[in-house]
Amino acid sequence: GVVCSEHQEWRLAGGRDGCAGRVEVFFRGTWSTVCNSTWYETEA
């Protein structure tokens, strides 16, 4: 199997469970945060 750099996966960190917390995305081999400048109801 492979994981390619354009694959994206998400997790929520620091909340009380996996359905709450800070949004983190695995992309291009590293975990990153998401900017809230366009983080609206739809995106969430």
All heavy atoms as atom14 arrays in JSON, in Angstrom:
{
  "sequence": "GVVCSEHQEWRLAGGRDGCAGRVEVFFRGTWSTVCNSTWYETEA",
  "atom14_mask": [
    [1, 1, 1, 1, 0, 0, 0, 0, 0, 0, 0, 0, 0, 0],
    [1, 1, 1, 1, 1, 1, 1, 0, 0, 0, 0, 0, 0, 0],
    [1, 1, 1, 1, 1, 1, 1, 0, 0, 0, 0, 0, 0, 0],
    [1, 1, 1, 1, 1, 1, 0, 0, 0, 0, 0, 0, 0, 0],
    [1, 1, 1, 1, 1, 1, 0, 0, 0, 0, 0, 0, 0, 0],
    [1, 1, 1, 1, 1, 1, 1, 1, 1, 0, 0, 0, 0, 0],
    [1, 1, 1, 1, 1, 1, 1, 1, 1, 1, 0, 0, 0, 0],
    [1, 1, 1, 1, 1, 1, 1, 1, 1, 0, 0, 0, 0, 0],
    [1, 1, 1, 1, 1, 1, 1, 1, 1, 0, 0, 0, 0, 0],
    [1, 1, 1, 1, 1, 1, 1, 1, 1, 1, 1, 1, 1, 1],
    [1, 1, 1, 1, 1, 1, 1, 1, 1, 1, 1, 0, 0, 0],
    [1, 1, 1, 1, 1, 1, 1, 1, 0, 0, 0, 0, 0, 0],
    [1, 1, 1, 1, 1, 0, 0, 0, 0, 0, 0, 0, 0, 0],
    [1, 1, 1, 1, 0, 0, 0, 0, 0, 0, 0, 0, 0, 0],
    [1, 1, 1, 1, 0, 0, 0, 0, 0, 0, 0, 0, 0, 0],
    [1, 1, 1, 1, 1, 1, 1, 1, 1, 1, 1, 0, 0, 0],
    [1, 1, 1, 1, 1, 1, 1, 1, 0, 0, 0, 0, 0, 0],
    [1, 1, 1, 1, 0, 0, 0, 0, 0, 0, 0, 0, 0, 0],
    [1, 1, 1, 1, 1, 1, 0, 0, 0, 0, 0, 0, 0, 0],
    [1, 1, 1, 1, 1, 0, 0, 0, 0, 0, 0, 0, 0, 0],
    [1, 1, 1, 1, 0, 0, 0, 0, 0, 0, 0, 0, 0, 0],
    [1, 1, 1, 1, 1, 1, 1, 1, 1, 1, 1, 0, 0, 0],
    [1, 1, 1, 1, 1, 1, 1, 0, 0, 0, 0, 0, 0, 0],
    [1, 1, 1, 1, 1, 1, 1, 1, 1, 0, 0, 0, 0, 0],
    [1, 1, 1, 1, 1, 1, 1, 0, 0, 0, 0, 0, 0, 0],
    [1, 1, 1, 1, 1, 1, 1, 1, 1, 1, 1, 0, 0, 0],
    [1, 1, 1, 1, 1, 1, 1, 1, 1, 1, 1, 0, 0, 0],
    [1, 1, 1, 1, 1, 1, 1, 1, 1, 1, 1, 0, 0, 0],
    [1, 1, 1, 1, 0, 0, 0, 0, 0, 0, 0, 0, 0, 0],
    [1, 1, 1, 1, 1, 1, 1, 0, 0, 0, 0, 0, 0, 0],
    [1, 1, 1, 1, 1, 1, 1, 1, 1, 1, 1, 1, 1, 1],
    [1, 1, 1, 1, 1, 1, 0, 0, 0, 0, 0, 0, 0, 0],
    [1, 1, 1, 1, 1, 1, 1, 0, 0, 0, 0, 0, 0, 0],
    [1, 1, 1, 1, 1, 1, 1, 0, 0, 0, 0, 0, 0, 0],
    [1, 1, 1, 1, 1, 1, 0, 0, 0, 0, 0, 0, 0, 0],
    [1, 1, 1, 1, 1, 1, 1, 1, 0, 0, 0, 0, 0, 0],
    [1, 1, 1, 1, 1, 1, 0, 0, 0, 0, 0, 0, 0, 0],
    [1, 1, 1, 1, 1, 1, 1, 0, 0, 0, 0, 0, 0, 0],
    [1, 1, 1, 1, 1, 1, 1, 1, 1, 1, 1, 1, 1, 1],
    [1, 1, 1, 1, 1, 1, 1, 1, 1, 1, 1, 1, 0, 0],
    [1, 1, 1, 1, 1, 1, 1, 1, 1, 0, 0, 0, 0, 0],
    [1, 1, 1, 1, 1, 1, 1, 0, 0, 0, 0, 0, 0, 0],
    [1, 1, 1, 1, 1, 1, 1, 1, 1, 0, 0, 0, 0, 0],
    [1, 1, 1, 1, 1, 0, 0, 0, 0, 0, 0, 0, 0, 0]
  ],
  "atom14_positions": [
    [[0.83, -1.21, 0.0], [0.0, 0.0, 0.0], [0.86, 1.25, 0.0], [2.08, 1.18, 0.2], [0.0, 0.0, 0.0], [0.0, 0.0, 0.0], [0.0, 0.0, 0.0], [0.0, 0.0, 0.0], [0.0, 0.0, 0.0], [0.0, 0.0, 0.0], [0.0, 0.0, 0.0], [0.0, 0.0, 0.0], [0.0, 0.0, 0.0], [0.0, 0.0, 0.0]],
    [[0.23, 2.4, -0.23], [0.94, 3.68, -0.21], [0.08, 4.77, 0.42], [-1.15, 4.68, 0.42], [1.34, 4.16, -1.64], [2.22, 3.16, -2.34], [0.13, 4.49, -2.48], [0.0, 0.0, 0.0], [0.0, 0.0, 0.0], [0.0, 0.0, 0.0], [0.0, 0.0, 0.0], [0.0, 0.0, 0.0], [0.0, 0.0, 0.0], [0.0, 0.0, 0.0]],
    [[0.75, 5.78, 0.95], [0.12, 7.05, 1.31], [0.85, 8.11, 0.49], [2.07, 8.25, 0.59], [0.25, 7.37, 2.82], [-0.45, 8.69, 3.13], [-0.33, 6.25, 3.66], [0.0, 0.0, 0.0], [0.0, 0.0, 0.0], [0.0, 0.0, 0.0], [0.0, 0.0, 0.0], [0.0, 0.0, 0.0], [0.0, 0.0, 0.0], [0.0, 0.0, 0.0]],
    [[0.11, 8.82, -0.34], [0.7, 9.86, -1.19], [0.56, 11.23, -0.53], [-0.3, 11.45, 0.33], [0.0, 9.89, -2.55], [0.05, 8.32, -3.43], [0.0, 0.0, 0.0], [0.0, 0.0, 0.0], [0.0, 0.0, 0.0], [0.0, 0.0, 0.0], [0.0, 0.0, 0.0], [0.0, 0.0, 0.0], [0.0, 0.0, 0.0], [0.0, 0.0, 0.0]],
    [[1.38, 12.17, -0.98], [1.41, 13.51, -0.36], [0.08, 14.25, -0.51], [-0.25, 15.09, 0.32], [2.54, 14.33, -0.97], [2.35, 14.5, -2.36], [0.0, 0.0, 0.0], [0.0, 0.0, 0.0], [0.0, 0.0, 0.0], [0.0, 0.0, 0.0], [0.0, 0.0, 0.0], [0.0, 0.0, 0.0], [0.0, 0.0, 0.0], [0.0, 0.0, 0.0]],
    [[-0.69, 13.97, -1.56], [-1.95, 14.71, -1.75], [-3.11, 14.1, -0.96], [-4.23, 14.6, -1.01], [-2.3, 14.79, -3.24], [-1.3, 15.6, -4.05], [-1.03, 16.99, -3.49], [-1.94, 17.84, -3.53], [0.09, 17.25, -3.0], [0.0, 0.0, 0.0], [0.0, 0.0, 0.0], [0.0, 0.0, 0.0], [0.0, 0.0, 0.0], [0.0, 0.0, 0.0]],
    [[-2.86, 13.01, -0.25], [-3.89, 12.44, 0.64], [-4.09, 13.38, 1.82], [-3.13, 13.93, 2.36], [-3.43, 11.07, 1.14], [-4.19, 10.59, 2.35], [-5.51, 10.23, 2.3], [-3.81, 10.45, 3.64], [-5.91, 9.87, 3.5], [-4.9, 9.98, 4.33], [0.0, 0.0, 0.0], [0.0, 0.0, 0.0], [0.0, 0.0, 0.0], [0.0, 0.0, 0.0]],
    [[-5.34, 13.6, 2.21], [-5.64, 14.39, 3.4], [-6.45, 13.55, 4.37], [-7.38, 12.85, 3.98], [-6.46, 15.63, 3.04], [-5.72, 16.63, 2.16], [-6.53, 17.89, 1.89], [-7.45, 18.21, 2.62], [-6.17, 18.6, 0.83], [0.0, 0.0, 0.0], [0.0, 0.0, 0.0], [0.0, 0.0, 0.0], [0.0, 0.0, 0.0], [0.0, 0.0, 0.0]],
    [[-6.08, 13.62, 5.65], [-6.92, 13.01, 6.69], [-6.98, 13.98, 7.85], [-6.12, 14.85, 8.0], [-6.4, 11.64, 7.12], [-5.09, 11.66, 7.84], [-4.53, 10.26, 8.11], [-4.05, 9.61, 7.17], [-4.6, 9.85, 9.28], [0.0, 0.0, 0.0], [0.0, 0.0, 0.0], [0.0, 0.0, 0.0], [0.0, 0.0, 0.0], [0.0, 0.0, 0.0]],
    [[-8.03, 13.86, 8.67], [-8.28, 14.85, 9.72], [-8.46, 14.19, 11.06], [-8.86, 13.03, 11.16], [-9.55, 15.65, 9.38], [-9.46, 16.34, 8.07], [-8.95, 17.6, 7.84], [-9.83, 15.82, 6.78], [-8.99, 17.87, 6.49], [-9.52, 16.81, 5.82], [-10.38, 14.62, 6.37], [-9.75, 16.63, 4.46], [-10.61, 14.44, 5.0], [-10.3, 15.44, 4.07]],
    [[-8.15, 14.96, 12.11], [-8.43, 14.52, 13.47], [-8.74, 15.76, 14.31], [-8.39, 16.89, 13.93], [-7.23, 13.76, 14.04], [-6.0, 14.64, 14.28], [-4.81, 13.83, 14.76], [-3.64, 14.7, 14.97], [-2.4, 14.25, 15.11], [-2.15, 12.95, 15.03], [-1.39, 15.08, 15.32], [0.0, 0.0, 0.0], [0.0, 0.0, 0.0], [0.0, 0.0, 0.0]],
    [[-9.4, 15.54, 15.42], [-9.67, 16.62, 16.37], [-8.85, 16.33, 17.61], [-8.91, 15.23, 18.17], [-11.17, 16.69, 16.7], [-12.04, 17.03, 15.48], [-13.52, 16.99, 15.85], [-11.67, 18.39, 14.91], [0.0, 0.0, 0.0], [0.0, 0.0, 0.0], [0.0, 0.0, 0.0], [0.0, 0.0, 0.0], [0.0, 0.0, 0.0], [0.0, 0.0, 0.0]],
    [[-8.04, 17.3, 18.02], [-7.08, 17.11, 19.11], [-7.41, 18.01, 20.3], [-7.87, 19.14, 20.13], [-5.67, 17.42, 18.61], [0.0, 0.0, 0.0], [0.0, 0.0, 0.0], [0.0, 0.0, 0.0], [0.0, 0.0, 0.0], [0.0, 0.0, 0.0], [0.0, 0.0, 0.0], [0.0, 0.0, 0.0], [0.0, 0.0, 0.0], [0.0, 0.0, 0.0]],
    [[-7.18, 17.5, 21.5], [-7.28, 18.32, 22.7], [-8.68, 18.46, 23.25], [-8.88, 19.15, 24.26], [0.0, 0.0, 0.0], [0.0, 0.0, 0.0], [0.0, 0.0, 0.0], [0.0, 0.0, 0.0], [0.0, 0.0, 0.0], [0.0, 0.0, 0.0], [0.0, 0.0, 0.0], [0.0, 0.0, 0.0], [0.0, 0.0, 0.0], [0.0, 0.0, 0.0]],
    [[-9.66, 17.82, 22.61], [-11.03, 17.86, 23.14], [-11.26, 16.66, 24.04], [-10.35, 15.86, 24.28], [0.0, 0.0, 0.0], [0.0, 0.0, 0.0], [0.0, 0.0, 0.0], [0.0, 0.0, 0.0], [0.0, 0.0, 0.0], [0.0, 0.0, 0.0], [0.0, 0.0, 0.0], [0.0, 0.0, 0.0], [0.0, 0.0, 0.0], [0.0, 0.0, 0.0]],
    [[-12.51, 16.51, 24.5], [-12.75, 15.4, 25.43], [-12.87, 14.06, 24.71], [-12.81, 13.01, 25.33], [-13.99, 15.68, 26.27], [-15.25, 15.79, 25.47], [-16.42, 16.17, 26.36], [-17.61, 16.36, 25.55], [-18.72, 16.86, 26.02], [-18.8, 17.23, 27.28], [-19.77, 17.0, 25.22], [0.0, 0.0, 0.0], [0.0, 0.0, 0.0], [0.0, 0.0, 0.0]],
    [[-13.06, 14.08, 23.39], [-13.08, 12.83, 22.62], [-12.76, 13.15, 21.16], [-12.39, 14.29, 20.85], [-14.43, 12.1, 22.76], [-15.61, 12.94, 22.26], [-15.39, 13.85, 21.41], [-16.73, 12.68, 22.7], [0.0, 0.0, 0.0], [0.0, 0.0, 0.0], [0.0, 0.0, 0.0], [0.0, 0.0, 0.0], [0.0, 0.0, 0.0], [0.0, 0.0, 0.0]],
    [[-12.89, 12.16, 20.29], [-12.53, 12.36, 18.89], [-13.49, 13.21, 18.08], [-13.27, 13.42, 16.89], [0.0, 0.0, 0.0], [0.0, 0.0, 0.0], [0.0, 0.0, 0.0], [0.0, 0.0, 0.0], [0.0, 0.0, 0.0], [0.0, 0.0, 0.0], [0.0, 0.0, 0.0], [0.0, 0.0, 0.0], [0.0, 0.0, 0.0], [0.0, 0.0, 0.0]],
    [[-14.55, 13.72, 18.73], [-15.54, 14.54, 18.02], [-15.52, 16.0, 18.48], [-16.45, 16.76, 18.23], [-16.93, 13.95, 18.2], [-17.18, 12.39, 17.31], [0.0, 0.0, 0.0], [0.0, 0.0, 0.0], [0.0, 0.0, 0.0], [0.0, 0.0, 0.0], [0.0, 0.0, 0.0], [0.0, 0.0, 0.0], [0.0, 0.0, 0.0], [0.0, 0.0, 0.0]],
    [[-14.46, 16.4, 19.17], [-14.33, 17.79, 19.62], [-12.86, 18.13, 19.74], [-12.04, 17.29, 20.1], [-15.02, 17.98, 20.98], [0.0, 0.0, 0.0], [0.0, 0.0, 0.0], [0.0, 0.0, 0.0], [0.0, 0.0, 0.0], [0.0, 0.0, 0.0], [0.0, 0.0, 0.0], [0.0, 0.0, 0.0], [0.0, 0.0, 0.0], [0.0, 0.0, 0.0]],
    [[-12.51, 19.39, 19.42], [-11.14, 19.83, 19.62], [-10.62, 20.68, 18.48], [-11.38, 21.17, 17.64], [0.0, 0.0, 0.0], [0.0, 0.0, 0.0], [0.0, 0.0, 0.0], [0.0, 0.0, 0.0], [0.0, 0.0, 0.0], [0.0, 0.0, 0.0], [0.0, 0.0, 0.0], [0.0, 0.0, 0.0], [0.0, 0.0, 0.0], [0.0, 0.0, 0.0]],
    [[-9.31, 20.83, 18.47], [-8.66, 21.61, 17.43], [-8.55, 20.76, 16.16], [-8.18, 19.59, 16.22], [-7.26, 22.01, 17.89], [-6.54, 22.91, 16.89], [-5.19, 23.33, 17.4], [-4.25, 22.22, 17.39], [-2.95, 22.36, 17.62], [-2.45, 23.53, 17.92], [-2.15, 21.3, 17.58], [0.0, 0.0, 0.0], [0.0, 0.0, 0.0], [0.0, 0.0, 0.0]],
    [[-8.85, 21.35, 15.02], [-8.8, 20.62, 13.75], [-7.35, 20.5, 13.28], [-6.64, 21.5, 13.17], [-9.63, 21.35, 12.67], [-9.62, 20.54, 11.38], [-11.05, 21.6, 13.15], [0.0, 0.0, 0.0], [0.0, 0.0, 0.0], [0.0, 0.0, 0.0], [0.0, 0.0, 0.0], [0.0, 0.0, 0.0], [0.0, 0.0, 0.0], [0.0, 0.0, 0.0]],
    [[-6.94, 19.25, 13.03], [-5.59, 19.01, 12.49], [-5.72, 18.16, 11.23], [-6.55, 17.25, 11.17], [-4.72, 18.3, 13.53], [-4.5, 19.17, 14.77], [-3.63, 18.52, 15.84], [-3.27, 17.33, 15.71], [-3.32, 19.22, 16.82], [0.0, 0.0, 0.0], [0.0, 0.0, 0.0], [0.0, 0.0, 0.0], [0.0, 0.0, 0.0], [0.0, 0.0, 0.0]],
    [[-4.93, 18.51, 10.23], [-4.98, 17.79, 8.95], [-3.61, 17.21, 8.62], [-2.59, 17.89, 8.78], [-5.49, 18.72, 7.81], [-4.66, 20.0, 7.72], [-5.48, 18.01, 6.46], [0.0, 0.0, 0.0], [0.0, 0.0, 0.0], [0.0, 0.0, 0.0], [0.0, 0.0, 0.0], [0.0, 0.0, 0.0], [0.0, 0.0, 0.0], [0.0, 0.0, 0.0]],
    [[-3.6, 15.94, 8.22], [-2.36, 15.31, 7.75], [-2.31, 15.49, 6.23], [-3.2, 15.05, 5.51], [-2.34, 13.82, 8.1], [-1.06, 13.14, 7.7], [0.08, 13.27, 8.47], [-0.99, 12.37, 6.55], [1.29, 12.65, 8.1], [0.2, 11.74, 6.18], [1.33, 11.9, 6.95], [0.0, 0.0, 0.0], [0.0, 0.0, 0.0], [0.0, 0.0, 0.0]],
    [[-1.29, 16.18, 5.76], [-1.18, 16.52, 4.34], [0.28, 16.73, 4.0], [1.01, 17.36, 4.75], [-2.0, 17.8, 4.09], [-1.97, 18.29, 2.67], [-2.41, 17.48, 1.63], [-1.53, 19.56, 2.38], [-2.39, 17.93, 0.32], [-1.52, 20.03, 1.07], [-1.95, 19.21, 0.05], [0.0, 0.0, 0.0], [0.0, 0.0, 0.0], [0.0, 0.0, 0.0]],
    [[0.7, 16.15, 2.86], [2.1, 16.24, 2.42], [3.07, 15.8, 3.51], [4.12, 16.41, 3.73], [2.41, 17.64, 1.89], [1.59, 17.92, 0.63], [1.93, 19.19, -0.1], [0.97, 19.39, -1.17], [0.74, 20.52, -1.81], [1.42, 21.6, -1.49], [-0.16, 20.59, -2.77], [0.0, 0.0, 0.0], [0.0, 0.0, 0.0], [0.0, 0.0, 0.0]],
    [[2.69, 14.75, 4.24], [3.61, 14.13, 5.18], [3.71, 14.76, 6.55], [4.55, 14.37, 7.35], [0.0, 0.0, 0.0], [0.0, 0.0, 0.0], [0.0, 0.0, 0.0], [0.0, 0.0, 0.0], [0.0, 0.0, 0.0], [0.0, 0.0, 0.0], [0.0, 0.0, 0.0], [0.0, 0.0, 0.0], [0.0, 0.0, 0.0], [0.0, 0.0, 0.0]],
    [[2.85, 15.74, 6.86], [2.95, 16.4, 8.16], [1.57, 16.8, 8.67], [0.63, 16.94, 7.89], [3.86, 17.65, 8.05], [4.04, 18.2, 9.35], [3.28, 18.72, 7.15], [0.0, 0.0, 0.0], [0.0, 0.0, 0.0], [0.0, 0.0, 0.0], [0.0, 0.0, 0.0], [0.0, 0.0, 0.0], [0.0, 0.0, 0.0], [0.0, 0.0, 0.0]],
    [[1.45, 16.95, 9.98], [0.19, 17.44, 10.58], [0.22, 18.96, 10.62], [1.23, 19.55, 10.99], [0.0, 16.87, 11.99], [-0.38, 15.42, 11.96], [0.47, 14.35, 12.09], [-1.68, 14.87, 11.75], [-0.25, 13.17, 11.99], [-1.56, 13.46, 11.78], [-2.96, 15.44, 11.54], [-2.67, 12.61, 11.61], [-4.04, 14.59, 11.38], [-3.9, 13.2, 11.41]],
    [[-0.89, 19.58, 10.23], [-1.01, 21.04, 10.2], [-2.31, 21.47, 10.86], [-3.22, 20.66, 11.05], [-1.02, 21.54, 8.74], [0.18, 21.19, 8.08], [0.0, 0.0, 0.0], [0.0, 0.0, 0.0], [0.0, 0.0, 0.0], [0.0, 0.0, 0.0], [0.0, 0.0, 0.0], [0.0, 0.0, 0.0], [0.0, 0.0, 0.0], [0.0, 0.0, 0.0]],
    [[-2.39, 22.75, 11.16], [-3.65, 23.31, 11.67], [-4.41, 23.97, 10.53], [-3.89, 24.19, 9.43], [-3.39, 24.34, 12.78], [-2.32, 25.19, 12.4], [-3.05, 23.66, 14.09], [0.0, 0.0, 0.0], [0.0, 0.0, 0.0], [0.0, 0.0, 0.0], [0.0, 0.0, 0.0], [0.0, 0.0, 0.0], [0.0, 0.0, 0.0], [0.0, 0.0, 0.0]],
    [[-5.68, 24.29, 10.81], [-6.57, 24.9, 9.82], [-6.85, 26.33, 10.26], [-7.17, 26.57, 11.44], [-7.89, 24.1, 9.72], [-8.89, 24.8, 8.8], [-7.6, 22.69, 9.21], [0.0, 0.0, 0.0], [0.0, 0.0, 0.0], [0.0, 0.0, 0.0], [0.0, 0.0, 0.0], [0.0, 0.0, 0.0], [0.0, 0.0, 0.0], [0.0, 0.0, 0.0]],
    [[-6.72, 27.28, 9.35], [-6.99, 28.69, 9.68], [-8.49, 28.93, 9.78], [-9.25, 28.44, 8.95], [-6.4, 29.6, 8.62], [-4.64, 29.35, 8.39], [0.0, 0.0, 0.0], [0.0, 0.0, 0.0], [0.0, 0.0, 0.0], [0.0, 0.0, 0.0], [0.0, 0.0, 0.0], [0.0, 0.0, 0.0], [0.0, 0.0, 0.0], [0.0, 0.0, 0.0]],
    [[-8.9, 29.69, 10.79], [-10.34, 29.89, 10.98], [-10.9, 31.1, 10.23], [-12.05, 31.46, 10.39], [-10.69, 29.97, 12.47], [-10.25, 31.28, 13.12], [-9.52, 32.07, 12.51], [-10.67, 31.5, 14.35], [0.0, 0.0, 0.0], [0.0, 0.0, 0.0], [0.0, 0.0, 0.0], [0.0, 0.0, 0.0], [0.0, 0.0, 0.0], [0.0, 0.0, 0.0]],
    [[-10.07, 31.69, 9.34], [-10.54, 32.88, 8.59], [-11.75, 32.57, 7.71], [-12.57, 33.44, 7.45], [-9.4, 33.46, 7.75], [-8.66, 32.44, 7.13], [0.0, 0.0, 0.0], [0.0, 0.0, 0.0], [0.0, 0.0, 0.0], [0.0, 0.0, 0.0], [0.0, 0.0, 0.0], [0.0, 0.0, 0.0], [0.0, 0.0, 0.0], [0.0, 0.0, 0.0]],
    [[-11.87, 31.31, 7.24], [-13.05, 30.92, 6.45], [-13.7, 29.67, 7.05], [-14.28, 28.86, 6.34], [-12.68, 30.63, 4.98], [-11.66, 29.62, 4.95], [-12.16, 31.87, 4.28], [0.0, 0.0, 0.0], [0.0, 0.0, 0.0], [0.0, 0.0, 0.0], [0.0, 0.0, 0.0], [0.0, 0.0, 0.0], [0.0, 0.0, 0.0], [0.0, 0.0, 0.0]],
    [[-13.54, 29.5, 8.37], [-14.08, 28.31, 9.03], [-15.5, 28.6, 9.51], [-15.73, 29.04, 10.61], [-13.17, 27.93, 10.2], [-13.49, 26.6, 10.83], [-14.0, 26.42, 12.09], [-13.33, 25.31, 10.27], [-14.16, 25.08, 12.34], [-13.76, 24.37, 11.22], [-12.87, 24.85, 9.02], [-13.73, 22.99, 11.0], [-12.84, 23.48, 8.79], [-13.28, 22.57, 9.77]],
    [[-16.45, 28.35, 8.63], [-17.85, 28.65, 8.92], [-18.62, 27.37, 9.2], [-18.07, 26.28, 9.23], [-18.47, 29.4, 7.74], [-17.75, 30.68, 7.38], [-17.19, 30.86, 6.11], [-17.6, 31.7, 8.31], [-16.51, 32.02, 5.78], [-16.93, 32.87, 8.0], [-16.38, 33.03, 6.72], [-15.71, 34.18, 6.4], [0.0, 0.0, 0.0], [0.0, 0.0, 0.0]],
    [[-19.93, 27.53, 9.41], [-20.82, 26.39, 9.7], [-20.67, 25.26, 8.68], [-20.59, 24.09, 9.04], [-22.26, 26.89, 9.71], [-23.26, 25.93, 10.32], [-23.15, 25.85, 11.84], [-22.74, 26.82, 12.49], [-23.47, 24.77, 12.36], [0.0, 0.0, 0.0], [0.0, 0.0, 0.0], [0.0, 0.0, 0.0], [0.0, 0.0, 0.0], [0.0, 0.0, 0.0]],
    [[-20.61, 25.62, 7.38], [-20.54, 24.59, 6.34], [-19.27, 23.77, 6.46], [-19.32, 22.54, 6.45], [-20.59, 25.25, 4.93], [-21.76, 26.05, 4.86], [-20.63, 24.2, 3.84], [0.0, 0.0, 0.0], [0.0, 0.0, 0.0], [0.0, 0.0, 0.0], [0.0, 0.0, 0.0], [0.0, 0.0, 0.0], [0.0, 0.0, 0.0], [0.0, 0.0, 0.0]],
    [[-18.12, 24.44, 6.57], [-16.84, 23.74, 6.66], [-16.81, 22.82, 7.9], [-16.38, 21.67, 7.84], [-15.67, 24.73, 6.74], [-15.39, 25.47, 5.45], [-16.39, 26.58, 5.14], [-17.15, 27.0, 6.03], [-16.42, 27.03, 3.98], [0.0, 0.0, 0.0], [0.0, 0.0, 0.0], [0.0, 0.0, 0.0], [0.0, 0.0, 0.0], [0.0, 0.0, 0.0]],
    [[-17.28, 23.37, 9.03], [-17.27, 22.61, 10.28], [-18.17, 21.37, 10.19], [-17.82, 20.29, 10.66], [-17.7, 23.5, 11.44], [0.0, 0.0, 0.0], [0.0, 0.0, 0.0], [0.0, 0.0, 0.0], [0.0, 0.0, 0.0], [0.0, 0.0, 0.0], [0.0, 0.0, 0.0], [0.0, 0.0, 0.0], [0.0, 0.0, 0.0], [0.0, 0.0, 0.0]]
  ]
}
